[in-house]
Amino acid sequence: MQASYLGQAISSRVGEFIVLRRDIHAHPELPFEEHRTSALVARKLGEWGYEVTCGLGGTGVVGRLKRGEGHRSLGIRADMDALPIAEEGSREWRSRHPGVMHACGHDGHTAILLAAAKYMAKQADFNGTLNLIFQPAEEGAGGAVKMIADGLFERFPCDAVFALHNMPGIEAGKFVFRTGPAMASSDDVFITLEGVGGHGAMPHTCADPIVAASSIVMALQTIVARNVPPLRTAVVTVGALHAGQANNVIAPQATMALSVRALDREVRDLLKARIFELVEQQAASYRVKAQVDWRDGYTVLVNTPQETALATQVALDLFGPERVVAQGEPMTASEDFAFMLEKVPGSYLQVGNGAAGTPGACMVHNPAYDFNDDLIEPASRFWFKLAETFLK
């Protein structure tokens, strides 16, 4: 199908997917609780002729569409979960569930892929297998890992897999690609410092964990400044430090919580080794015992060159160079689609939700955020054309 005709076909009917997106927005569901959303997705896919499988990773859904005798297979993923945030604003479709909202646009990602799914089922010209992956629990809960553990790629083999995310601060409808590391790993570190408490007037009888914690906070910053090569990216953030209750009491214990991020695996390993060394030795210098609990989170997201080049060319053909960035900047945010890319080649791209000063510029994970419905038409058209191109 010609791109111009496809655009007209989707544009003329995009209203139903705006309604659908707003319905999902009004009924947000937390990770692994996406029962209503997954049922809606499964019902729509079934109506359009997809072979539907439910329950992967708990509430995940896969729609499979096979045409011809071609052996190539393509996976396209959308995430479905919401966040534990109380929504602000008075829009008609605001969340009906107190304390839960679609603050990251997963309602929009689901609507985009469903819009593409409908027209791919009706009009796409391809020879092979299309696997549409609707994933639960992207927001820190590792839904991709659960789907993979449930046999996602054994049951639905893919030669490549793709996903997108809306991005406030970028002009609405602009497509941004990146070859190589595109999003950071994210690990959680919890530190417990055990000292000797006592009276604030007699500090010489104590081993003060607050003093040790204060020194550790400052020393941690030297890991990025003095251990990581200057041209490589790393983040060590101390997000919480808790100790004591009274001004005249030296607490026996202090706890700290860290977020640690990197854009390559070597730096990630370096950060881990140095945090253990520094914390334990700093604590010992203040006669305090340290326990470090490192919890692996999301891995580095790496886009493969061939698949990224293909996706970039599809966007250029559809929208022209003024709406495409072929090699955008990496991000230190994280995304569990990275685990899918460890199993299968593919690419993760950004689509602008609105430039600074526009309604769509409110950053994700903000109680005032809302997905820009103007993205549904171009992004679904992109998925349609990518599927035809990959499976031709």
Protein backbone atom coordinates (compact mmCIF):
# COMPACT_ATOMS: atom_id res chain seq x y z
CA MET A 1 0.00 0.00 0.00
CA GLN A 2 1.29 3.46 -0.85
CA ALA A 3 2.31 5.49 2.18
CA SER A 4 -0.01 8.41 1.34
CA TYR A 5 -3.04 6.12 1.01
CA LEU A 6 -2.12 4.29 4.20
CA GLY A 7 -1.89 7.60 6.04
CA GLN A 8 -5.37 8.56 4.84
CA ALA A 9 -6.78 5.15 5.79
CA ILE A 10 -5.43 5.28 9.34
CA SER A 11 -6.13 9.01 9.80
CA SER A 12 -9.77 8.59 8.82
CA ARG A 13 -10.29 6.01 11.56
CA VAL A 14 -7.79 7.07 14.20
CA GLY A 15 -10.60 8.48 16.34
CA GLU A 16 -11.55 5.03 17.58
CA PHE A 17 -8.03 4.55 18.91
CA ILE A 18 -8.02 7.93 20.61
CA VAL A 19 -11.20 6.81 22.37
CA LEU A 20 -9.55 3.49 23.20
CA ARG A 21 -6.39 5.20 24.50
CA ARG A 22 -8.42 7.47 26.76
CA ASP A 23 -10.44 4.52 28.02
CA ILE A 24 -7.21 2.73 29.00
CA HIS A 25 -5.96 5.95 30.59
CA ALA A 26 -9.11 6.20 32.69
CA HIS A 27 -8.63 2.63 33.95
CA PRO A 28 -4.91 2.34 34.78
CA GLU A 29 -3.52 -0.86 36.24
CA LEU A 30 -0.30 -1.43 38.15
CA PRO A 31 2.39 -3.95 37.10
CA PHE A 32 1.08 -7.53 36.80
CA GLU A 33 -2.46 -6.26 37.48
CA GLU A 34 -3.27 -5.32 33.86
CA HIS A 35 -6.27 -7.68 33.66
CA ARG A 36 -8.73 -5.25 32.10
CA THR A 37 -6.18 -3.90 29.64
CA SER A 38 -4.93 -7.31 28.54
CA ALA A 39 -8.52 -8.54 28.10
CA LEU A 40 -9.28 -5.53 25.91
CA VAL A 41 -6.14 -6.14 23.84
CA ALA A 42 -6.90 -9.85 23.45
CA ARG A 43 -10.48 -9.17 22.41
CA LYS A 44 -9.47 -6.64 19.75
CA LEU A 45 -6.74 -8.86 18.31
CA GLY A 46 -9.12 -11.80 18.16
CA GLU A 47 -11.73 -9.72 16.32
CA TRP A 48 -9.12 -8.82 13.69
CA GLY A 49 -8.04 -12.40 13.04
CA TYR A 50 -4.90 -12.76 15.14
CA GLU A 51 -4.04 -15.98 16.93
CA VAL A 52 -4.10 -14.74 20.53
CA THR A 53 -2.13 -16.12 23.47
CA CYS A 54 -2.74 -14.73 26.96
CA GLY A 55 -0.98 -15.14 30.28
CA LEU A 56 2.69 -14.81 29.28
CA GLY A 57 4.50 -13.15 32.15
CA GLY A 58 1.24 -13.11 34.09
CA THR A 59 -0.88 -10.65 32.14
CA GLY A 60 1.03 -10.43 28.85
CA VAL A 61 -0.66 -10.95 25.47
CA VAL A 62 0.80 -11.98 22.11
CA GLY A 63 -1.07 -11.66 18.84
CA ARG A 64 0.31 -13.78 16.00
CA LEU A 65 -0.49 -13.20 12.31
CA LYS A 66 1.05 -15.43 9.65
CA ARG A 67 0.85 -14.89 5.90
CA GLY A 68 2.37 -16.88 3.05
CA GLU A 69 5.24 -19.33 3.38
CA GLY A 70 7.91 -16.84 4.43
CA HIS A 71 10.23 -17.90 7.24
CA ARG A 72 11.04 -14.43 8.59
CA SER A 73 9.33 -13.31 11.78
CA LEU A 74 9.02 -9.90 13.41
CA GLY A 75 8.20 -8.88 16.98
CA ILE A 76 6.78 -5.48 17.97
CA ARG A 77 6.30 -4.74 21.65
CA ALA A 78 4.08 -2.32 23.56
CA ASP A 79 3.92 -1.94 27.35
CA MET A 80 0.62 -1.75 29.26
CA ASP A 81 1.22 -0.92 32.95
CA ALA A 82 0.64 2.29 34.91
CA LEU A 83 2.35 3.94 37.88
CA PRO A 84 1.44 4.48 41.57
CA ILE A 85 0.97 8.25 41.09
CA ALA A 86 -2.11 10.37 41.85
CA GLU A 87 -3.15 12.16 38.67
CA GLU A 88 -3.57 15.94 38.56
CA GLY A 89 -5.83 17.87 36.21
CA SER A 90 -9.47 17.81 35.21
CA ARG A 91 -9.39 16.13 31.80
CA GLU A 92 -12.44 14.04 31.05
CA TRP A 93 -10.43 10.80 30.78
CA ARG A 94 -8.42 11.23 33.98
CA SER A 95 -7.75 8.15 36.10
CA ARG A 96 -10.72 6.67 37.94
CA HIS A 97 -8.41 4.74 40.25
CA PRO A 98 -7.08 6.92 43.09
CA GLY A 99 -3.30 6.87 43.36
CA VAL A 100 -2.78 5.13 40.01
CA MET A 101 -2.28 6.77 36.61
CA HIS A 102 -0.76 6.31 33.17
CA ALA A 103 2.06 8.77 33.82
CA CYS A 104 4.43 7.29 31.23
CA GLY A 105 2.25 6.90 28.14
CA HIS A 106 1.90 3.14 28.07
CA ASP A 107 -1.78 3.69 27.32
CA GLY A 108 -0.63 5.45 24.14
CA HIS A 109 1.90 2.77 23.23
CA THR A 110 -0.83 0.13 23.50
CA ALA A 111 -3.24 2.20 21.40
CA ILE A 112 -0.57 2.78 18.74
CA LEU A 113 0.16 -0.92 18.34
CA LEU A 114 -3.52 -1.80 18.31
CA ALA A 115 -4.16 0.79 15.58
CA ALA A 116 -1.33 -0.71 13.55
CA ALA A 117 -2.59 -4.24 14.30
CA LYS A 118 -6.01 -3.53 12.85
CA TYR A 119 -4.68 -2.23 9.54
CA MET A 120 -1.93 -4.82 9.30
CA ALA A 121 -4.59 -7.51 9.62
CA LYS A 122 -6.75 -5.91 6.94
CA GLN A 123 -4.30 -4.46 4.44
CA ALA A 124 -0.62 -5.24 5.10
CA ASP A 125 1.25 -6.99 2.30
CA PHE A 126 3.86 -9.30 3.81
CA ASN A 127 5.16 -12.85 3.70
CA GLY A 128 6.07 -14.24 7.11
CA THR A 129 4.99 -14.05 10.75
CA LEU A 130 4.10 -10.99 12.77
CA ASN A 131 4.19 -11.24 16.58
CA LEU A 132 2.63 -8.33 18.46
CA ILE A 133 3.82 -8.40 22.08
CA PHE A 134 1.79 -6.57 24.72
CA GLN A 135 3.95 -6.61 27.83
CA PRO A 136 2.98 -6.13 31.47
CA ALA A 137 5.05 -4.59 34.24
CA GLU A 138 7.68 -2.50 32.47
CA GLU A 139 7.82 -0.03 35.35
CA GLY A 140 10.55 -1.59 37.44
CA ALA A 141 8.89 -4.97 37.84
CA GLY A 142 10.64 -6.79 34.98
CA GLY A 143 7.68 -7.88 32.89
CA ALA A 144 9.96 -8.53 29.93
CA VAL A 145 12.00 -10.97 32.02
CA LYS A 146 8.80 -12.78 33.06
CA MET A 147 7.60 -13.09 29.46
CA ILE A 148 11.00 -14.39 28.34
CA ALA A 149 11.03 -16.91 31.22
CA ASP A 150 7.57 -18.06 30.08
CA GLY A 151 9.06 -18.97 26.71
CA LEU A 152 8.22 -15.85 24.69
CA PHE A 153 10.88 -16.32 22.05
CA GLU A 154 10.67 -20.11 22.01
CA ARG A 155 6.91 -20.02 21.41
CA PHE A 156 7.03 -16.94 19.17
CA PRO A 157 10.44 -16.88 17.47
CA CYS A 158 11.47 -13.44 16.20
CA ASP A 159 14.29 -12.53 13.83
CA ALA A 160 14.08 -8.98 15.18
CA VAL A 161 12.08 -7.12 17.81
CA PHE A 162 11.21 -3.42 18.04
CA ALA A 163 9.59 -1.05 20.53
CA LEU A 164 8.98 2.68 20.91
CA HIS A 165 8.44 5.21 23.67
CA ASN A 166 6.98 8.70 23.59
CA MET A 167 9.36 11.41 24.76
CA PRO A 168 8.28 14.83 26.10
CA GLY A 169 10.65 17.67 25.23
CA ILE A 170 10.97 16.50 21.62
CA GLU A 171 8.78 17.92 18.85
CA ALA A 172 5.59 15.90 18.55
CA GLY A 173 5.85 13.24 15.87
CA LYS A 174 9.63 13.44 15.45
CA PHE A 175 11.29 10.00 15.38
CA VAL A 176 14.63 9.54 17.16
CA PHE A 177 16.85 6.50 16.64
CA ARG A 178 20.21 5.45 18.03
CA THR A 179 22.59 2.64 17.15
CA GLY A 180 24.45 1.04 20.06
CA PRO A 181 23.90 1.72 23.78
CA ALA A 182 20.76 3.84 24.03
CA MET A 183 19.55 3.51 27.64
CA ALA A 184 21.38 2.82 30.88
CA SER A 185 21.47 -0.11 33.22
CA SER A 186 19.80 0.57 36.56
CA ASP A 187 20.76 -1.16 39.80
CA ASP A 188 19.60 -0.58 43.38
CA VAL A 189 22.01 -0.55 46.31
CA PHE A 190 20.99 -0.61 49.96
CA ILE A 191 23.64 0.10 52.61
CA THR A 192 23.30 -0.55 56.33
CA LEU A 193 25.83 0.99 58.73
CA GLU A 194 26.00 -0.48 62.23
CA GLY A 195 27.73 1.66 64.86
CA VAL A 196 27.47 2.19 68.60
CA GLY A 197 24.81 4.60 69.78
CA GLY A 198 24.83 6.76 72.85
CA HIS A 199 24.42 10.20 74.37
CA GLY A 200 25.07 13.13 72.06
CA ALA A 201 27.08 14.80 74.82
CA MET A 202 29.55 11.91 74.98
CA PRO A 203 30.41 11.09 71.36
CA HIS A 204 33.76 9.56 72.35
CA THR A 205 31.89 6.55 73.76
CA CYS A 206 30.12 5.91 70.42
CA ALA A 207 30.83 4.88 66.83
CA ASP A 208 28.65 7.30 64.89
CA PRO A 209 27.10 5.80 61.72
CA ILE A 210 25.79 9.23 60.63
CA VAL A 211 29.32 10.61 60.36
CA ALA A 212 30.34 7.50 58.42
CA ALA A 213 27.31 7.84 56.14
CA SER A 214 28.10 11.50 55.49
CA SER A 215 31.64 10.62 54.49
CA ILE A 216 30.41 7.80 52.26
CA VAL A 217 27.97 10.10 50.44
CA MET A 218 30.79 12.43 49.50
CA ALA A 219 33.25 9.66 48.70
CA LEU A 220 30.79 7.91 46.37
CA GLN A 221 30.90 10.90 44.06
CA THR A 222 34.60 10.31 43.46
CA ILE A 223 33.81 6.99 41.75
CA VAL A 224 32.32 8.80 38.76
CA ALA A 225 34.79 11.69 38.97
CA ARG A 226 37.97 9.65 39.42
CA ASN A 227 37.39 5.98 38.50
CA VAL A 228 35.13 6.05 35.44
CA PRO A 229 36.84 7.18 32.20
CA PRO A 230 35.72 10.76 31.43
CA LEU A 231 34.17 9.88 28.06
CA ARG A 232 31.97 7.13 29.49
CA THR A 233 28.69 7.63 31.35
CA ALA A 234 27.91 6.68 34.94
CA VAL A 235 25.52 7.88 37.64
CA VAL A 236 25.68 7.21 41.39
CA THR A 237 22.78 8.85 43.21
CA VAL A 238 22.17 8.62 46.95
CA GLY A 239 18.40 8.96 47.05
CA ALA A 240 17.78 8.24 50.74
CA LEU A 241 19.68 8.44 54.02
CA HIS A 242 17.89 7.59 57.28
CA ALA A 243 19.23 7.67 60.83
CA GLY A 244 18.24 8.79 64.29
CA GLN A 245 15.26 10.59 65.78
CA ALA A 246 16.54 12.96 68.47
CA ASN A 247 19.13 15.74 68.32
CA ASN A 248 20.92 14.62 71.48
CA VAL A 249 21.12 10.91 70.68
CA ILE A 250 23.75 9.26 68.47
CA ALA A 251 21.90 6.58 66.53
CA PRO A 252 23.29 3.03 66.43
CA GLN A 253 22.33 2.53 62.77
CA ALA A 254 22.07 4.41 59.47
CA THR A 255 20.69 3.21 56.15
CA MET A 256 21.27 4.50 52.63
CA ALA A 257 19.63 3.78 49.26
CA LEU A 258 21.42 4.31 45.95
CA SER A 259 20.52 4.31 42.27
CA VAL A 260 23.44 3.26 40.06
CA ARG A 261 23.43 3.60 36.26
CA ALA A 262 25.81 2.99 33.37
CA LEU A 263 25.76 2.86 29.57
CA ASP A 264 28.04 -0.14 29.17
CA ARG A 265 28.63 -3.39 31.01
CA GLU A 266 32.28 -2.70 31.87
CA VAL A 267 31.42 0.53 33.66
CA ARG A 268 28.54 -1.21 35.42
CA ASP A 269 30.95 -3.83 36.79
CA LEU A 270 33.42 -1.12 37.79
CA LEU A 271 30.78 0.80 39.72
CA LYS A 272 29.77 -2.32 41.61
CA ALA A 273 33.32 -3.20 42.61
CA ARG A 274 34.22 0.32 43.70
CA ILE A 275 31.02 0.86 45.71
CA PHE A 276 31.68 -2.28 47.75
CA GLU A 277 35.34 -1.32 48.34
CA LEU A 278 34.68 2.31 49.18
CA VAL A 279 31.72 1.74 51.50
CA GLU A 280 33.40 -1.01 53.50
CA GLN A 281 36.69 0.85 53.88
CA GLN A 282 35.12 4.22 54.66
CA ALA A 283 32.91 2.62 57.29
CA ALA A 284 35.85 0.81 58.86
CA SER A 285 37.76 4.08 59.18
CA TYR A 286 34.98 5.34 61.48
CA ARG A 287 34.81 2.05 63.47
CA VAL A 288 31.44 1.25 61.84
CA LYS A 289 30.40 -2.00 60.16
CA ALA A 290 28.90 -1.83 56.69
CA GLN A 291 26.61 -4.22 54.85
CA VAL A 292 26.05 -3.63 51.12
CA ASP A 293 23.01 -5.17 49.44
CA TRP A 294 23.41 -4.85 45.65
CA ARG A 295 20.29 -5.71 43.63
CA ASP A 296 20.67 -6.12 39.89
CA GLY A 297 18.04 -4.18 37.97
CA TYR A 298 17.67 -3.50 34.25
CA THR A 299 20.57 -4.12 31.92
CA VAL A 300 22.02 -1.72 29.33
CA LEU A 301 19.74 -1.34 26.30
CA VAL A 302 21.77 -1.83 23.10
CA ASN A 303 20.25 -1.29 19.65
CA THR A 304 21.76 -3.44 16.89
CA PRO A 305 23.07 -1.65 13.78
CA GLN A 306 21.24 -3.45 10.98
CA GLU A 307 17.81 -3.30 12.59
CA THR A 308 18.24 0.34 13.64
CA ALA A 309 19.30 1.29 10.12
CA LEU A 310 16.21 -0.42 8.69
CA ALA A 311 13.85 1.32 11.12
CA THR A 312 15.51 4.67 10.46
CA GLN A 313 15.10 4.27 6.71
CA VAL A 314 11.43 3.37 7.11
CA ALA A 315 10.87 6.60 9.06
CA LEU A 316 12.81 8.63 6.48
CA ASP A 317 10.71 7.17 3.67
CA LEU A 318 7.49 7.96 5.51
CA PHE A 319 8.20 11.33 7.09
CA GLY A 320 11.33 12.83 5.51
CA PRO A 321 14.60 13.95 7.14
CA GLU A 322 13.03 16.92 8.94
CA ARG A 323 11.14 14.53 11.24
CA VAL A 324 13.89 11.95 11.78
CA VAL A 325 17.02 11.97 13.97
CA ALA A 326 19.23 9.07 12.89
CA GLN A 327 21.58 9.08 15.89
CA GLY A 328 20.08 10.67 18.98
CA GLU A 329 21.67 11.10 22.38
CA PRO A 330 21.71 8.17 24.83
CA MET A 331 19.55 8.35 27.95
CA THR A 332 20.40 7.41 31.54
CA ALA A 333 16.83 6.25 32.13
CA SER A 334 16.26 2.49 31.93
CA GLU A 335 13.90 0.15 30.09
CA ASP A 336 13.34 -3.59 30.44
CA PHE A 337 13.01 -4.00 26.67
CA ALA A 338 16.81 -4.26 27.07
CA PHE A 339 16.32 -7.89 28.15
CA MET A 340 14.49 -8.68 24.91
CA LEU A 341 17.36 -7.11 22.96
CA GLU A 342 19.78 -9.42 24.77
CA LYS A 343 17.90 -12.35 23.22
CA VAL A 344 16.98 -10.98 19.77
CA PRO A 345 18.43 -8.24 17.53
CA GLY A 346 16.33 -5.13 17.30
CA SER A 347 15.89 -1.47 18.13
CA TYR A 348 14.13 0.83 20.58
CA LEU A 349 13.16 4.30 19.34
CA GLN A 350 11.73 7.52 20.73
CA VAL A 351 8.80 9.51 19.30
CA GLY A 352 8.45 13.13 20.39
CA ASN A 353 5.43 13.84 22.62
CA GLY A 354 5.79 17.64 22.41
CA ALA A 355 8.54 20.25 22.41
CA ALA A 356 9.17 22.62 25.32
CA GLY A 357 6.28 25.03 25.78
CA THR A 358 3.65 22.73 24.25
CA PRO A 359 0.98 20.68 26.10
CA GLY A 360 2.86 17.43 25.45
CA ALA A 361 6.09 18.64 27.02
CA CYS A 362 5.26 17.62 30.60
CA MET A 363 7.81 14.96 31.52
CA VAL A 364 6.79 11.37 32.15
CA HIS A 365 6.32 10.15 35.75
CA ASN A 366 4.74 13.52 36.53
CA PRO A 367 1.18 13.73 37.93
CA ALA A 368 0.26 16.29 35.24
CA TYR A 369 1.50 14.18 32.29
CA ASP A 370 -0.75 13.00 29.47
CA PHE A 371 0.01 11.16 26.25
CA ASN A 372 -0.29 13.19 23.03
CA ASP A 373 -3.00 11.54 20.92
CA ASP A 374 -1.58 13.13 17.77
CA LEU A 375 1.14 10.47 17.86
CA ILE A 376 -1.22 7.55 17.28
CA GLU A 377 -1.55 8.07 13.53
CA PRO A 378 2.13 8.54 12.54
CA ALA A 379 3.47 5.96 14.99
CA SER A 380 0.96 3.29 13.94
CA ARG A 381 1.75 4.06 10.32
CA PHE A 382 5.43 3.55 11.14
CA TRP A 383 4.73 0.10 12.64
CA PHE A 384 2.66 -0.83 9.58
CA LYS A 385 5.42 0.16 7.15
CA LEU A 386 8.16 -1.45 9.24
CA ALA A 387 6.27 -4.77 9.24
CA GLU A 388 5.75 -4.68 5.48
CA THR A 389 9.39 -3.77 4.88
CA PHE A 390 10.86 -6.38 7.23
CA LEU A 391 8.56 -9.17 6.07
CA LYS A 392 8.45 -8.41 2.35
